[in-house]
């Protein structure tokens, strides 16, 4: 299937209208899933967004988000075209965010923390479909040898659509022995956030803003209308 990029169904379009627009040229259900995955992966840019619990419609409007934002959007879209889908919550070390968090934020980040991604049932089996890193960020990490590309053995991590699923680089940072949880909303993540020390919760907006600018300045390195450096 031809790779789909630069889709513009309208800034304030409704979720179902966006799904219809993205899948307008394909009839096969798996090809529809590929089109939706590609859209969420690349058109919703990865960012350390301060609003962790946005609705799918809000993620569409923002056009950016962290793992949980992109996971919720793909989960909702896949469900809308008839797939069984769920959200998975994996405990990972904060190494998963090295070079993506500002050094100050990285120092005080929860370790481990919950990483969120969607799972979709294909042929009776649950498979990971990780849309977290957009193509631009993935290629920037490879070029600069940042994040997962710090490690030679991880540089062959693929973000290309596959019927067998897409395992993200974040999975390399999984904390062994800690259970993966599943849900149809972000309740496990909300519960985890409540366990953080009060000072960390208070500092989160500042840490997110610093880190959003950090990604923009160190990896994207181009004008971004969504990011203010003031």
Protein backbone atom coordinates (compact mmCIF):
# COMPACT_ATOMS: atom_id res chain seq x y z
CA UNK A 1 0.00 0.00 0.00
CA UNK A 2 1.22 3.50 -0.84
CA UNK A 3 2.50 5.39 2.20
CA UNK A 4 0.02 8.08 3.25
CA UNK A 5 1.35 11.46 4.37
CA UNK A 6 0.25 15.08 4.68
CA UNK A 7 -3.40 14.27 5.21
CA UNK A 8 -5.45 17.38 5.98
CA UNK A 9 -9.10 16.53 6.66
CA UNK A 10 -9.60 19.90 8.32
CA UNK A 11 -8.34 21.31 11.61
CA UNK A 12 -11.67 21.01 13.44
CA UNK A 13 -13.03 17.92 11.68
CA UNK A 14 -14.98 15.38 13.71
CA UNK A 15 -13.31 12.06 14.51
CA UNK A 16 -15.55 9.97 12.24
CA UNK A 17 -15.06 12.42 9.38
CA UNK A 18 -11.29 12.17 9.82
CA UNK A 19 -11.44 8.37 9.77
CA UNK A 20 -13.56 8.46 6.61
CA UNK A 21 -11.17 10.91 4.98
CA UNK A 22 -8.05 8.89 5.80
CA UNK A 23 -9.54 5.60 4.59
CA UNK A 24 -11.42 7.02 1.61
CA UNK A 25 -9.30 5.27 -1.03
CA UNK A 26 -9.15 1.77 0.48
CA UNK A 27 -11.77 -0.90 1.16
CA UNK A 28 -9.71 -3.69 2.74
CA UNK A 29 -9.95 -3.56 6.54
CA UNK A 30 -6.23 -4.14 7.13
CA UNK A 31 -5.34 -1.45 4.60
CA UNK A 32 -7.65 0.90 6.46
CA UNK A 33 -5.77 0.07 9.65
CA UNK A 34 -2.49 0.79 7.90
CA UNK A 35 -3.77 4.16 6.73
CA UNK A 36 -4.94 5.06 10.24
CA UNK A 37 -1.69 3.85 11.84
CA UNK A 38 0.37 5.92 9.39
CA UNK A 39 -1.73 8.98 10.10
CA UNK A 40 -1.41 8.69 13.88
CA UNK A 41 2.29 7.90 13.65
CA UNK A 42 3.31 10.79 11.41
CA UNK A 43 0.61 13.45 11.42
CA UNK A 44 0.33 13.46 15.23
CA UNK A 45 3.88 14.40 16.15
CA UNK A 46 5.47 13.02 19.29
CA UNK A 47 5.80 15.66 21.97
CA UNK A 48 6.06 15.76 25.76
CA UNK A 49 2.59 17.22 25.99
CA UNK A 50 1.39 18.58 29.35
CA UNK A 51 -2.16 17.32 28.75
CA UNK A 52 -1.79 13.60 29.26
CA UNK A 53 -5.49 12.79 29.32
CA UNK A 54 -6.80 14.37 26.14
CA UNK A 55 -9.75 12.90 24.29
CA UNK A 56 -9.17 11.54 20.76
CA UNK A 57 -10.79 14.67 19.34
CA UNK A 58 -8.46 16.89 21.35
CA UNK A 59 -5.42 14.94 20.13
CA UNK A 60 -6.59 15.47 16.55
CA UNK A 61 -6.89 19.19 17.15
CA UNK A 62 -3.51 19.48 18.89
CA UNK A 63 -1.71 17.45 16.19
CA UNK A 64 0.87 16.37 18.77
CA UNK A 65 1.05 14.23 21.85
CA UNK A 66 2.99 11.74 23.96
CA UNK A 67 2.60 7.97 23.95
CA UNK A 68 -0.74 7.88 25.78
CA UNK A 69 -2.28 10.55 23.53
CA UNK A 70 -1.31 8.76 20.32
CA UNK A 71 -2.30 5.39 21.78
CA UNK A 72 -5.79 6.62 22.69
CA UNK A 73 -6.29 8.03 19.20
CA UNK A 74 -5.21 4.87 17.36
CA UNK A 75 -7.17 2.66 19.78
CA UNK A 76 -10.30 4.70 19.10
CA UNK A 77 -9.81 4.77 15.34
CA UNK A 78 -9.12 1.02 15.10
CA UNK A 79 -12.21 0.30 17.18
CA UNK A 80 -14.29 2.53 14.91
CA UNK A 81 -13.47 0.42 11.83
CA UNK A 82 -14.34 -2.82 13.56
CA UNK A 83 -11.13 -4.09 15.17
CA UNK A 84 -10.96 -5.28 18.74
CA UNK A 85 -8.47 -2.98 20.42
CA UNK A 86 -7.18 -2.20 23.88
CA UNK A 87 -4.61 -0.05 25.62
CA UNK A 88 -1.51 -1.65 27.13
CA UNK A 89 0.52 -0.19 29.99
CA UNK A 90 4.11 -1.35 30.32
CA UNK A 91 6.55 -0.38 33.06
CA UNK A 92 9.70 1.01 31.44
CA UNK A 93 12.83 2.62 32.82
CA UNK A 94 13.23 6.33 32.16
CA UNK A 95 15.96 5.35 29.69
CA UNK A 96 13.05 5.21 27.22
CA UNK A 97 12.98 9.02 27.33
CA UNK A 98 16.71 9.78 27.33
CA UNK A 99 17.44 12.70 24.94
CA UNK A 100 13.71 13.45 24.77
CA UNK A 101 13.46 14.98 28.23
CA UNK A 102 15.35 18.10 29.22
CA UNK A 103 18.26 16.99 31.47
CA UNK A 104 16.64 18.62 34.50
CA UNK A 105 13.35 16.82 33.84
CA UNK A 106 15.17 13.56 33.17
CA UNK A 107 16.94 13.72 36.51
CA UNK A 108 13.67 13.88 38.45
CA UNK A 109 11.44 11.75 36.18
CA UNK A 110 9.65 8.76 37.72
CA UNK A 111 11.69 5.60 37.28
CA UNK A 112 10.11 3.32 36.25
CA UNK A 113 7.01 4.83 34.69
CA UNK A 114 4.08 3.55 32.64
CA UNK A 115 4.43 3.60 28.87
CA UNK A 116 1.14 3.36 26.94
CA UNK A 117 0.57 1.80 23.53
CA UNK A 118 -2.30 0.15 21.62
CA UNK A 119 -2.82 -3.53 20.99
CA UNK A 120 -5.11 -4.70 18.18
CA UNK A 121 -6.46 -8.18 17.59
CA UNK A 122 -5.41 -9.61 14.22
CA UNK A 123 -6.39 -13.17 13.25
CA UNK A 124 -7.31 -13.97 16.84
CA UNK A 125 -4.03 -12.71 18.33
CA UNK A 126 -3.30 -9.48 20.21
CA UNK A 127 -0.50 -7.57 18.50
CA UNK A 128 1.36 -4.40 19.44
CA UNK A 129 0.87 -1.42 17.11
CA UNK A 130 3.23 1.24 18.47
CA UNK A 131 2.70 4.69 16.86
CA UNK A 132 4.70 6.75 19.36
CA UNK A 133 7.62 8.08 17.29
CA UNK A 134 6.74 9.94 14.11
CA UNK A 135 8.97 9.35 11.10
CA UNK A 136 10.74 12.70 11.43
CA UNK A 137 11.70 12.05 15.06
CA UNK A 138 12.67 8.43 14.37
CA UNK A 139 15.01 9.51 11.58
CA UNK A 140 16.42 12.37 13.67
CA UNK A 141 17.29 9.91 16.46
CA UNK A 142 19.07 7.69 13.96
CA UNK A 143 20.93 10.63 12.43
CA UNK A 144 22.01 12.09 15.77
CA UNK A 145 22.44 8.71 17.51
CA UNK A 146 20.03 9.77 20.22
CA UNK A 147 17.52 7.86 22.34
CA UNK A 148 17.21 4.27 21.02
CA UNK A 149 19.92 4.94 18.41
CA UNK A 150 22.50 5.42 21.17
CA UNK A 151 22.64 1.61 21.13
CA UNK A 152 23.85 -0.04 17.88
CA UNK A 153 21.76 -3.15 18.48
CA UNK A 154 18.57 -1.05 18.55
CA UNK A 155 19.11 0.94 15.35
CA UNK A 156 17.22 -1.54 13.20
CA UNK A 157 14.00 -0.80 15.09
CA UNK A 158 11.33 -0.35 12.42
CA UNK A 159 8.30 1.92 12.54
CA UNK A 160 6.90 0.55 9.27
CA UNK A 161 3.42 -0.95 9.30
CA UNK A 162 3.30 -4.74 9.51
CA UNK A 163 0.40 -7.13 9.88
CA UNK A 164 2.53 -8.78 12.58
CA UNK A 165 2.52 -5.56 14.62
CA UNK A 166 4.99 -2.76 15.27
CA UNK A 167 7.19 -2.97 18.36
CA UNK A 168 8.48 0.46 19.39
CA UNK A 169 11.94 1.32 20.64
CA UNK A 170 10.45 2.01 24.06
CA UNK A 171 9.98 -1.72 24.55
CA UNK A 172 13.75 -2.11 24.89
CA UNK A 173 13.46 -0.24 28.20
CA UNK A 174 10.85 -2.59 29.66
CA UNK A 175 11.37 -3.46 33.32
CA UNK A 176 11.38 -7.24 33.47
CA UNK A 177 9.16 -8.91 36.01
CA UNK A 178 6.61 -6.09 36.13
CA UNK A 179 3.16 -6.95 34.78
CA UNK A 180 1.75 -5.39 31.62
CA UNK A 181 -1.75 -4.05 32.31
CA UNK A 182 -4.62 -3.67 29.85
CA UNK A 183 -7.64 -1.37 29.83
CA UNK A 184 -9.97 0.51 27.51
CA UNK A 185 -9.15 3.90 29.02
CA UNK A 186 -6.25 5.58 30.79
CA UNK A 187 -7.27 4.61 34.34
CA UNK A 188 -4.03 2.65 35.05
CA UNK A 189 -1.99 5.70 34.09
CA UNK A 190 -4.17 8.02 36.16
CA UNK A 191 -3.75 5.69 39.14
CA UNK A 192 0.03 5.68 38.69
CA UNK A 193 0.13 9.48 38.55
CA UNK A 194 -1.64 9.67 41.93
CA UNK A 195 1.22 7.74 43.54
CA UNK A 196 3.86 10.31 42.53
CA UNK A 197 5.19 12.61 45.26
CA UNK A 198 3.32 15.91 45.40
CA UNK A 199 6.41 17.90 44.42
CA UNK A 200 6.82 15.90 41.21
CA UNK A 201 3.17 16.44 40.29
CA UNK A 202 3.52 20.17 40.93
CA UNK A 203 6.66 20.40 38.77
CA UNK A 204 5.25 18.41 35.86
CA UNK A 205 3.96 21.35 33.75
CA UNK A 206 7.38 23.02 33.96
CA UNK A 207 9.17 19.75 33.12
CA UNK A 208 6.89 19.14 30.15
CA UNK A 209 7.41 22.63 28.74
CA UNK A 210 11.18 22.35 29.10
CA UNK A 211 11.19 18.95 27.42
CA UNK A 212 8.91 19.98 24.57
CA UNK A 213 11.30 22.80 23.72
CA UNK A 214 14.26 20.45 24.19
CA UNK A 215 12.99 18.00 21.54
CA UNK A 216 12.30 20.88 19.19
CA UNK A 217 15.71 22.49 19.64
CA UNK A 218 17.91 19.38 19.70
CA UNK A 219 16.20 16.99 17.28
CA UNK A 220 13.58 18.70 15.12
CA UNK A 221 15.55 21.92 14.71
CA UNK A 222 13.05 23.77 12.59
CA UNK A 223 10.24 26.26 13.09
CA UNK A 224 7.28 24.63 14.77
CA UNK A 225 4.03 26.64 15.11
CA UNK A 226 3.00 24.54 18.14
CA UNK A 227 6.12 25.26 20.18
CA UNK A 228 7.03 28.56 21.81
CA UNK A 229 10.62 29.17 22.89
CA UNK A 230 9.71 32.22 24.90
